[in-house]
Amino acid sequence: MTEKYSVFTAPRGGVMTKEVGVVTGELELHTAGSPDGALTLRIRYAGADEWYTVEGGPYRLHDPRDHEVLHDILIGLLHRPRH
């Protein structure tokens, strides 16, 4: 399993989670890709202990090697400047 973490500022409207609804502010994204292509996306407030599942999914990669690239794309999308 490969894992990657990044801290970012939530986009306008926040990030929807299954457990607590929308989270905003300074967040951390954790992605984990397994050899079978299963992908886990979790969010937490930066520095907090509790993780939340990003709404949607289940997520599956056609090629598990794409995990790190997808993580970087997600951070690019989530960390856009506010207008």
Protein backbone atom coordinates (compact mmCIF):
# COMPACT_ATOMS: atom_id res chain seq x y z
CA MET A 1 0.00 0.00 0.00
CA THR A 2 1.26 3.48 -0.83
CA GLU A 3 0.26 6.51 1.21
CA LYS A 4 0.60 10.23 0.71
CA TYR A 5 -0.27 13.24 2.91
CA SER A 6 -0.64 16.95 2.06
CA VAL A 7 -1.82 20.01 3.99
CA PHE A 8 -3.99 22.53 2.10
CA THR A 9 -6.58 25.24 2.61
CA ALA A 10 -10.09 24.06 1.76
CA PRO A 11 -11.73 25.52 -1.35
CA ARG A 12 -14.81 27.72 -1.08
CA GLY A 13 -17.61 25.48 0.15
CA GLY A 14 -15.19 23.11 1.93
CA VAL A 15 -14.83 19.38 1.48
CA MET A 16 -17.83 17.08 2.03
CA THR A 17 -17.26 14.15 4.38
CA LYS A 18 -19.45 11.17 5.20
CA GLU A 19 -19.18 11.55 8.97
CA VAL A 20 -19.54 15.27 9.71
CA GLY A 21 -20.60 16.96 6.48
CA VAL A 22 -18.55 19.90 5.21
CA VAL A 23 -15.14 20.69 6.68
CA THR A 24 -13.33 23.96 5.98
CA GLY A 25 -10.11 25.71 6.87
CA GLU A 26 -6.61 24.26 7.01
CA LEU A 27 -6.97 20.56 6.19
CA GLU A 28 -4.83 17.53 5.51
CA LEU A 29 -5.54 15.02 2.74
CA HIS A 30 -4.46 11.41 3.17
CA THR A 31 -4.67 9.07 0.20
CA ALA A 32 -3.83 5.37 0.28
CA GLY A 33 -3.63 3.14 -2.76
CA SER A 34 -3.56 -0.64 -2.53
CA PRO A 35 -2.13 -3.08 -5.07
CA ASP A 36 -5.65 -4.09 -6.20
CA GLY A 37 -6.42 -0.45 -7.13
CA ALA A 38 -8.61 0.42 -4.13
CA LEU A 39 -8.13 4.06 -3.16
CA THR A 40 -8.89 5.59 0.23
CA LEU A 41 -9.41 9.38 0.57
CA ARG A 42 -9.51 10.87 4.07
CA ILE A 43 -9.49 14.44 5.39
CA ARG A 44 -8.77 15.92 8.80
CA TYR A 45 -8.26 19.35 10.26
CA ALA A 46 -4.49 19.97 10.05
CA GLY A 47 -2.91 18.73 13.27
CA ALA A 48 -6.06 16.96 14.52
CA ASP A 49 -6.30 13.29 15.42
CA GLU A 50 -9.64 12.35 13.84
CA TRP A 51 -9.88 11.49 10.13
CA TYR A 52 -13.06 11.74 8.00
CA THR A 53 -13.93 9.89 4.81
CA VAL A 54 -14.29 12.09 1.72
CA GLU A 55 -17.84 11.79 0.36
CA GLY A 56 -18.22 9.65 -2.77
CA GLY A 57 -16.59 6.42 -3.75
CA PRO A 58 -15.76 3.70 -3.47
CA TYR A 59 -12.74 4.82 -5.42
CA ARG A 60 -10.70 2.47 -7.60
CA LEU A 61 -7.69 3.14 -9.80
CA HIS A 62 -7.35 1.32 -13.12
CA ASP A 63 -3.60 1.26 -12.51
CA PRO A 64 -2.44 1.37 -8.86
CA ARG A 65 0.75 3.16 -9.97
CA ASP A 66 -1.41 6.26 -10.59
CA HIS A 67 -2.00 6.83 -6.86
CA GLU A 68 0.67 9.50 -6.28
CA VAL A 69 -0.23 11.40 -9.46
CA LEU A 70 -3.91 11.38 -8.50
CA HIS A 71 -3.06 12.66 -5.00
CA ASP A 72 -1.17 15.60 -6.53
CA ILE A 73 -4.08 16.36 -8.90
CA LEU A 74 -6.55 16.31 -6.00
CA ILE A 75 -4.41 18.72 -3.99
CA GLY A 76 -4.24 21.01 -7.04
CA LEU A 77 -8.02 20.98 -7.33
CA LEU A 78 -8.68 21.38 -3.61
CA HIS A 79 -6.10 24.11 -3.02
CA ARG A 80 -7.31 26.61 -5.62
CA PRO A 81 -7.29 30.31 -4.81
CA ARG A 82 -10.61 31.68 -3.58
CA HIS A 83 -12.36 34.18 -5.88
